[in-house]
Amino acid sequence: MRIGVPKETAAGEHRVALVPEVVSKLKAKGLDVVVQSGAGADALLSDAAYAAAGAQITQDAAEVWGSDVVVTIAPPDPQAIRGLGLGSILIGFLAPLTSPQTTSALADAKATAFAMEAIPRISRAQAMDALSSQSNVAGYRAALLGAEQIGRFYPMLMTAAGTIPPAKVLVLGVGVAGLQALATAKRLGARTTGYDVRPEVAEQVESLGAQWLDLGLEASGEGGYARELTEEERARQQQALTDAIKGFDVVITTALVPGRPAPRLVTAEAVEGMKPGSVIVDLAGEAGGNCELTEPGQTVVRHDVKIVSPLNLPASMAEHSSQLFARNVLALLDLFVGEDGALSLDFDDEIVRGACVVRDGEIVNPGAKAAVEQAR
């Protein structure tokens, strides 16, 4: 069986789906790997490193896309998907709820596709959880961005010239990215506070030495995500947050609801009430942003507050992001490949079944099917 690794073509994407470390492990299992020349260059991984790990290097993208299994990071261009062979498999972030053109192209190619973001968030699948591995990177970078952009010290400083109090950092949405942002800001010396509509994560926040902001709302949902709030709950939450946000120097937002626009947690009123020079780092820009004044992908100043909305933060740390993603893929492939090196898909396995978006040209993911039908 041959696994293909194409060069990513999405704007701003610097990661690569497999790294030499993982290639060597796949080769040890008796699998062949073909890598498009330059695929790892932006992640500081040379063609020579892949070749040393046992991969075949090719300039021909068609040869890579003709592999039995193709692994990507970002949703591929539909034109590239047409290069998949009949019955071949695609693995990657496929955005099944928001990229119907990707799903349609996969169905037209009669391929089978597995979305890394659709892997069930269960204990047995933790090693395959690419959403978590990439969110860790995003949370870390978000805390650094806050420290870089604020123009003040994060830690408390006691000097002969007087004492400087620590910066106060609020993280809204404490999933994997939020917890990493809290931990990193704490290590930098900030006074940290976390908030989420799921009260069960309060203990995790406090275990990191952060305070818990209790607004009296609860919205736990399925699969480890928050449910969407009602209009009344949203209004109560926003007013309470508006009042609380004004007391913080840095606000990092990470709240997302899969397949829906990001919830607006930071109002224009809250921004206006923040101290001049404060910073908002909005990690939900790709879904519209958590801040009412966010401009996705841009850094803007509103009411003397800097609002930073980076897109695809994991790609800014391409070397380690690629390494983590490749290990996630390796764990998933362990479910797909038998001891004899042959492909064996067990759709009775809840991970295999849950991650599958398209099977032999049929769209099997309900959310992806709804998105395609809506787009027609």
Protein backbone atom coordinates (compact mmCIF):
# COMPACT_ATOMS: atom_id res chain seq x y z
CA MET A 1 0.00 0.00 0.00
CA ARG A 2 1.27 3.46 -0.87
CA ILE A 3 0.66 6.65 1.10
CA GLY A 4 0.96 10.01 -0.66
CA VAL A 5 1.90 13.35 0.92
CA PRO A 6 1.18 16.32 -1.37
CA LYS A 7 2.47 19.83 -0.92
CA GLU A 8 -0.14 22.01 0.78
CA THR A 9 -1.55 24.73 -1.48
CA ALA A 10 -3.90 26.64 0.85
CA ALA A 11 -2.87 30.24 1.48
CA GLY A 12 -0.80 30.61 4.64
CA GLU A 13 -0.51 26.85 5.20
CA HIS A 14 3.06 25.94 6.16
CA ARG A 15 2.48 22.53 7.75
CA VAL A 16 2.95 19.13 6.16
CA ALA A 17 0.81 16.08 6.85
CA LEU A 18 3.60 13.58 7.56
CA VAL A 19 7.11 14.12 8.94
CA PRO A 20 10.20 11.94 8.40
CA GLU A 21 9.91 10.45 11.89
CA VAL A 22 6.47 9.06 11.03
CA VAL A 23 7.52 8.07 7.49
CA SER A 24 10.17 5.77 8.95
CA LYS A 25 7.58 4.15 11.21
CA LEU A 26 5.26 3.58 8.28
CA LYS A 27 8.09 2.05 6.29
CA ALA A 28 8.77 -0.30 9.20
CA LYS A 29 5.17 -1.50 8.85
CA GLY A 30 5.83 -2.38 5.22
CA LEU A 31 4.09 0.68 3.73
CA ASP A 32 5.44 2.81 0.90
CA VAL A 33 5.39 6.61 1.16
CA VAL A 34 5.67 9.07 -1.71
CA VAL A 35 6.23 12.74 -0.90
CA GLN A 36 5.88 15.64 -3.30
CA SER A 37 9.12 17.56 -3.52
CA GLY A 38 9.11 20.61 -1.24
CA ALA A 39 6.13 19.41 0.79
CA GLY A 40 7.98 19.86 4.07
CA ALA A 41 10.06 22.91 3.19
CA ASP A 42 7.97 25.44 5.13
CA ALA A 43 8.17 23.17 8.19
CA LEU A 44 11.97 23.05 7.86
CA LEU A 45 11.86 19.45 6.62
CA SER A 46 14.00 18.81 3.54
CA ASP A 47 13.44 16.32 0.75
CA ALA A 48 16.71 14.70 1.85
CA ALA A 49 15.28 14.08 5.34
CA TYR A 50 12.26 12.32 3.83
CA ALA A 51 14.44 10.29 1.51
CA ALA A 52 16.63 9.24 4.44
CA ALA A 53 13.48 8.06 6.22
CA GLY A 54 12.63 5.85 3.24
CA ALA A 55 10.19 8.00 1.29
CA GLN A 56 10.14 8.33 -2.47
CA ILE A 57 10.43 11.97 -3.57
CA THR A 58 8.63 13.11 -6.71
CA GLN A 59 7.99 16.37 -8.52
CA ASP A 60 4.77 14.95 -9.97
CA ALA A 61 1.71 15.90 -7.91
CA ALA A 62 -0.41 13.46 -9.94
CA GLU A 63 1.77 10.59 -8.78
CA VAL A 64 1.18 11.57 -5.15
CA TRP A 65 -2.58 11.94 -5.62
CA GLY A 66 -2.71 8.55 -7.32
CA SER A 67 -1.66 6.81 -4.08
CA ASP A 68 -3.89 4.37 -2.20
CA VAL A 69 -4.05 6.78 0.75
CA VAL A 70 -3.43 10.53 0.53
CA VAL A 71 -2.84 12.58 3.68
CA THR A 72 -3.26 16.36 3.77
CA ILE A 73 -3.63 19.11 6.36
CA ALA A 74 -6.05 21.66 4.88
CA PRO A 75 -9.07 20.80 2.72
CA PRO A 76 -7.60 20.18 -0.76
CA ASP A 77 -8.60 22.01 -3.89
CA PRO A 78 -11.44 20.12 -5.65
CA GLN A 79 -9.29 19.94 -8.77
CA ALA A 80 -6.62 18.03 -6.82
CA ILE A 81 -9.25 15.68 -5.41
CA ARG A 82 -10.13 14.66 -8.95
CA GLY A 83 -6.69 13.04 -9.10
CA LEU A 84 -7.65 10.46 -6.49
CA GLY A 85 -7.90 6.93 -7.81
CA LEU A 86 -11.15 4.99 -7.67
CA GLY A 87 -11.56 3.56 -4.17
CA SER A 88 -8.66 5.58 -2.74
CA ILE A 89 -8.67 7.19 0.70
CA LEU A 90 -8.13 10.80 1.75
CA ILE A 91 -7.26 11.77 5.33
CA GLY A 92 -7.03 15.33 6.64
CA PHE A 93 -8.89 18.34 7.96
CA LEU A 94 -11.78 18.35 5.47
CA ALA A 95 -14.17 20.90 7.04
CA PRO A 96 -17.24 18.71 6.37
CA LEU A 97 -19.66 21.22 7.89
CA THR A 98 -18.34 24.31 6.11
CA SER A 99 -16.67 23.14 2.89
CA PRO A 100 -19.37 21.40 0.82
CA GLN A 101 -17.27 21.75 -2.33
CA THR A 102 -14.65 19.46 -0.80
CA THR A 103 -17.26 16.85 0.13
CA SER A 104 -18.90 17.02 -3.30
CA ALA A 105 -15.56 16.57 -5.07
CA LEU A 106 -14.80 13.52 -2.91
CA ALA A 107 -18.18 12.01 -3.72
CA ASP A 108 -17.65 12.64 -7.44
CA ALA A 109 -14.24 10.93 -7.23
CA LYS A 110 -15.88 7.83 -5.67
CA ALA A 111 -13.31 8.10 -2.89
CA THR A 112 -13.45 7.35 0.83
CA ALA A 113 -12.54 10.24 3.11
CA PHE A 114 -11.83 10.60 6.81
CA ALA A 115 -11.96 14.02 8.47
CA MET A 116 -9.56 14.42 11.36
CA GLU A 117 -11.92 16.91 13.01
CA ALA A 118 -14.72 14.32 12.95
CA ILE A 119 -12.84 11.73 15.01
CA PRO A 120 -14.97 11.01 18.11
CA ARG A 121 -13.56 12.69 21.20
CA ILE A 122 -13.35 9.54 23.30
CA SER A 123 -10.53 8.18 25.45
CA ARG A 124 -9.48 5.55 22.92
CA ALA A 125 -9.08 8.19 20.23
CA GLN A 126 -6.94 10.66 22.18
CA ALA A 127 -3.78 9.78 20.22
CA MET A 128 -5.66 10.61 16.99
CA ASP A 129 -7.19 13.88 18.20
CA ALA A 130 -5.69 16.38 15.79
CA LEU A 131 -8.09 19.11 16.87
CA SER A 132 -6.57 18.97 20.34
CA SER A 133 -2.96 18.76 19.18
CA GLN A 134 -3.36 21.80 16.92
CA SER A 135 -5.42 23.70 19.50
CA ASN A 136 -2.55 23.30 21.96
CA VAL A 137 -0.32 25.15 19.53
CA ALA A 138 -2.93 27.86 18.94
CA GLY A 139 -3.44 28.44 22.68
CA TYR A 140 0.28 28.74 23.30
CA ARG A 141 0.74 31.21 20.46
CA ALA A 142 -2.29 33.24 21.56
CA ALA A 143 -0.79 33.85 25.00
CA LEU A 144 2.48 34.97 23.40
CA LEU A 145 0.61 37.29 21.04
CA GLY A 146 -1.15 38.89 23.99
CA ALA A 147 2.17 39.47 25.73
CA GLU A 148 3.77 40.83 22.57
CA GLN A 149 0.95 43.20 21.65
CA ILE A 150 0.09 44.69 25.03
CA GLY A 151 3.25 46.76 25.42
CA ARG A 152 3.32 46.17 29.17
CA PHE A 153 4.86 43.58 31.46
CA TYR A 154 2.94 40.36 32.11
CA PRO A 155 4.60 39.55 35.47
CA MET A 156 4.67 41.61 38.64
CA LEU A 157 7.99 43.42 38.98
CA MET A 158 9.39 44.74 42.25
CA THR A 159 12.15 47.20 41.48
CA ALA A 160 13.95 50.11 43.11
CA ALA A 161 11.75 52.33 40.97
CA GLY A 162 8.60 50.82 42.42
CA THR A 163 6.32 47.84 41.92
CA ILE A 164 4.55 47.03 38.67
CA PRO A 165 1.41 44.90 39.17
CA PRO A 166 0.91 41.79 37.01
CA ALA A 167 -1.21 41.98 33.87
CA LYS A 168 -4.71 40.52 34.19
CA VAL A 169 -5.51 37.98 31.46
CA LEU A 170 -8.98 36.59 30.80
CA VAL A 171 -9.47 33.51 28.61
CA LEU A 172 -12.98 32.96 27.24
CA GLY A 173 -13.61 29.34 26.25
CA VAL A 174 -11.40 26.87 28.10
CA GLY A 175 -11.16 23.87 25.84
CA VAL A 176 -7.69 22.69 24.84
CA ALA A 177 -6.65 26.04 23.34
CA GLY A 178 -8.01 28.00 26.27
CA LEU A 179 -6.32 25.85 28.88
CA GLN A 180 -3.00 26.10 27.07
CA ALA A 181 -3.41 29.88 26.82
CA LEU A 182 -4.07 30.06 30.57
CA ALA A 183 -1.08 27.87 31.38
CA THR A 184 1.26 29.86 29.12
CA ALA A 185 0.07 33.27 30.37
CA LYS A 186 0.51 32.01 33.95
CA ARG A 187 4.07 30.90 33.21
CA LEU A 188 4.75 34.38 31.85
CA GLY A 189 3.65 35.82 35.18
CA ALA A 190 0.17 37.15 34.42
CA ARG A 191 -2.77 36.95 36.81
CA THR A 192 -5.08 34.61 34.91
CA THR A 193 -8.83 34.03 34.88
CA GLY A 194 -10.84 31.56 32.79
CA TYR A 195 -14.48 31.42 31.75
CA ASP A 196 -16.60 28.87 29.95
CA VAL A 197 -20.31 28.08 29.80
CA ARG A 198 -19.47 24.52 30.88
CA PRO A 199 -19.07 24.67 34.68
CA GLU A 200 -17.39 21.27 34.82
CA VAL A 201 -14.17 22.79 33.46
CA ALA A 202 -13.81 25.15 36.43
CA GLU A 203 -11.68 22.58 38.24
CA GLN A 204 -9.31 22.37 35.27
CA VAL A 205 -8.98 26.15 35.21
CA GLU A 206 -8.22 26.32 38.92
CA SER A 207 -5.70 23.46 38.63
CA LEU A 208 -3.62 25.78 36.45
CA GLY A 209 -3.51 28.43 39.15
CA ALA A 210 -6.13 30.57 37.43
CA GLN A 211 -9.32 32.02 38.86
CA TRP A 212 -12.74 30.95 37.60
CA LEU A 213 -15.14 33.63 36.37
CA ASP A 214 -18.62 32.45 37.35
CA LEU A 215 -21.43 34.19 35.49
CA GLY A 216 -24.11 31.72 36.54
CA LEU A 217 -24.69 30.15 33.11
CA GLU A 218 -24.33 26.49 32.10
CA ALA A 219 -24.32 25.16 28.53
CA SER A 220 -22.63 21.78 28.39
CA GLY A 221 -23.20 19.96 25.10
CA GLU A 222 -22.34 16.70 23.38
CA GLY A 223 -18.86 15.57 22.41
CA GLY A 224 -17.08 17.91 24.81
CA TYR A 225 -18.36 21.06 23.07
CA ALA A 226 -20.61 23.75 24.47
CA ARG A 227 -24.20 23.80 23.24
CA GLU A 228 -25.57 26.90 21.57
CA LEU A 229 -27.12 29.30 24.08
CA THR A 230 -30.71 30.51 23.92
CA GLU A 231 -31.34 34.16 23.10
CA GLU A 232 -32.15 34.95 26.74
CA GLU A 233 -29.04 33.13 27.98
CA ARG A 234 -26.89 34.87 25.40
CA ALA A 235 -28.16 38.30 26.45
CA ARG A 236 -27.50 37.59 30.12
CA GLN A 237 -24.07 36.22 29.36
CA GLN A 238 -23.06 39.14 27.20
CA GLN A 239 -24.07 41.75 29.75
CA ALA A 240 -22.27 39.95 32.56
CA LEU A 241 -19.18 39.48 30.39
CA THR A 242 -19.29 43.10 29.25
CA ASP A 243 -19.07 44.21 32.85
CA ALA A 244 -16.29 41.74 33.68
CA ILE A 245 -14.14 42.26 30.59
CA LYS A 246 -13.57 45.93 31.36
CA GLY A 247 -11.26 44.97 34.24
CA PHE A 248 -8.79 42.92 32.17
CA ASP A 249 -5.65 43.92 30.27
CA VAL A 250 -5.68 40.99 27.82
CA VAL A 251 -8.67 38.94 26.68
CA ILE A 252 -8.09 35.74 24.70
CA THR A 253 -11.18 34.21 23.09
CA THR A 254 -11.38 30.62 21.84
CA ALA A 255 -15.12 29.84 21.84
CA LEU A 256 -16.38 27.83 18.86
CA VAL A 257 -19.52 25.84 18.05
CA PRO A 258 -18.85 23.29 15.25
CA GLY A 259 -20.55 24.22 11.98
CA ARG A 260 -21.93 27.52 13.32
CA PRO A 261 -20.73 31.13 13.45
CA ALA A 262 -18.60 31.82 16.51
CA PRO A 263 -20.59 33.16 19.47
CA ARG A 264 -20.14 36.89 20.03
CA LEU A 265 -18.83 37.18 23.58
CA VAL A 266 -17.02 40.53 23.51
CA THR A 267 -19.34 43.41 22.64
CA ALA A 268 -18.37 46.82 21.30
CA GLU A 269 -19.44 48.22 24.66
CA ALA A 270 -16.97 45.89 26.41
CA VAL A 271 -14.14 46.97 24.10
CA GLU A 272 -14.94 50.63 24.69
CA GLY A 273 -14.81 50.06 28.45
CA MET A 274 -11.37 48.41 28.46
CA LYS A 275 -8.32 50.36 29.53
CA PRO A 276 -6.47 52.05 26.62
CA GLY A 277 -3.66 49.81 25.39
CA SER A 278 -5.48 46.60 26.26
CA VAL A 279 -5.44 43.67 23.83
CA ILE A 280 -7.98 41.15 22.55
CA VAL A 281 -6.67 38.02 20.82
CA ASP A 282 -9.58 36.42 18.97
CA LEU A 283 -8.88 32.83 17.93
CA ALA A 284 -12.36 32.38 16.45
CA GLY A 285 -11.75 34.63 13.46
CA GLU A 286 -12.18 31.80 10.93
CA ALA A 287 -15.78 31.45 12.15
CA GLY A 288 -16.46 35.19 12.27
CA GLY A 289 -14.85 36.00 15.61
CA ASN A 290 -15.91 36.12 19.25
CA CYS A 291 -15.50 39.89 19.37
CA GLU A 292 -18.07 42.17 17.76
CA LEU A 293 -15.30 44.39 16.35
CA THR A 294 -13.03 41.63 15.08
CA GLU A 295 -11.84 41.73 11.48
CA PRO A 296 -10.73 38.16 10.74
CA GLY A 297 -7.09 37.90 9.78
CA GLN A 298 -6.42 41.53 10.68
CA THR A 299 -5.07 43.56 13.60
CA VAL A 300 -7.17 46.65 14.25
CA VAL A 301 -7.39 49.30 16.97
CA ARG A 302 -10.82 50.24 18.25
CA HIS A 303 -11.40 52.57 21.22
CA ASP A 304 -7.62 52.42 21.90
CA VAL A 305 -7.84 48.62 22.25
CA LYS A 306 -5.87 46.38 19.89
CA ILE A 307 -7.92 43.49 18.46
CA VAL A 308 -5.80 40.73 16.94
CA SER A 309 -7.49 37.98 14.92
CA PRO A 310 -4.89 35.57 13.52
CA LEU A 311 -5.97 32.81 11.15
CA ASN A 312 -4.50 29.30 11.30
CA LEU A 313 -2.14 29.93 14.21
CA PRO A 314 -0.83 26.33 14.20
CA ALA A 315 0.71 27.02 10.78
CA SER A 316 2.89 29.69 12.41
CA MET A 317 4.67 26.90 14.31
CA ALA A 318 4.79 24.54 11.35
CA GLU A 319 7.59 22.28 12.56
CA HIS A 320 5.98 21.13 15.79
CA SER A 321 2.41 21.39 14.48
CA SER A 322 3.33 19.05 11.63
CA GLN A 323 5.03 16.65 14.01
CA LEU A 324 1.95 16.45 16.24
CA PHE A 325 -0.46 16.11 13.32
CA ALA A 326 1.63 13.36 11.74
CA ARG A 327 1.56 11.39 14.97
CA ASN A 328 -2.23 11.76 15.07
CA VAL A 329 -2.42 10.39 11.53
CA LEU A 330 -0.11 7.50 12.41
CA ALA A 331 -2.40 6.51 15.28
CA LEU A 332 -5.40 6.59 12.93
CA LEU A 333 -3.60 4.54 10.28
CA ASP A 334 -2.93 1.88 12.92
CA LEU A 335 -6.70 1.27 12.83
CA PHE A 336 -6.72 1.08 9.03
CA VAL A 337 -3.78 -1.22 8.35
CA GLY A 338 -3.46 -4.85 9.40
CA GLU A 339 -0.29 -6.59 10.52
CA ASP A 340 0.28 -7.73 6.93
CA GLY A 341 0.38 -4.10 5.74
CA ALA A 342 -2.93 -4.42 3.88
CA LEU A 343 -5.78 -1.94 4.20
CA SER A 344 -8.60 -3.15 6.45
CA LEU A 345 -11.38 -0.70 7.29
CA ASP A 346 -13.69 -1.83 10.10
CA PHE A 347 -16.75 0.41 9.91
CA ASP A 348 -18.14 -1.25 13.03
CA ASP A 349 -15.40 0.59 14.91
CA GLU A 350 -16.88 3.85 16.23
CA ILE A 351 -13.72 5.81 15.42
CA VAL A 352 -13.57 4.62 11.82
CA ARG A 353 -17.29 5.11 11.37
CA GLY A 354 -17.37 8.50 13.11
CA ALA A 355 -14.44 9.97 11.18
CA CYS A 356 -15.74 8.86 7.77
CA VAL A 357 -17.30 11.65 5.71
CA VAL A 358 -17.53 9.93 2.31
CA ARG A 359 -17.50 6.17 1.72
CA ASP A 360 -16.96 4.91 -1.82
CA GLY A 361 -18.52 8.09 -3.18
CA GLU A 362 -21.49 8.16 -0.79
CA ILE A 363 -21.69 11.02 1.70
CA VAL A 364 -22.22 9.31 5.06
CA ASN A 365 -21.66 12.17 7.50
CA PRO A 366 -25.06 13.79 8.24
CA GLY A 367 -23.61 17.27 8.76
CA ALA A 368 -21.60 17.08 5.55
CA LYS A 369 -24.64 15.83 3.64
CA ALA A 370 -26.76 18.71 4.95
CA ALA A 371 -24.08 21.23 4.00
CA VAL A 372 -23.88 19.87 0.46
CA GLU A 373 -27.66 19.92 0.04
CA GLN A 374 -27.84 23.48 1.35
CA ALA A 375 -25.15 24.60 -1.08
CA ARG A 376 -27.01 23.24 -4.11
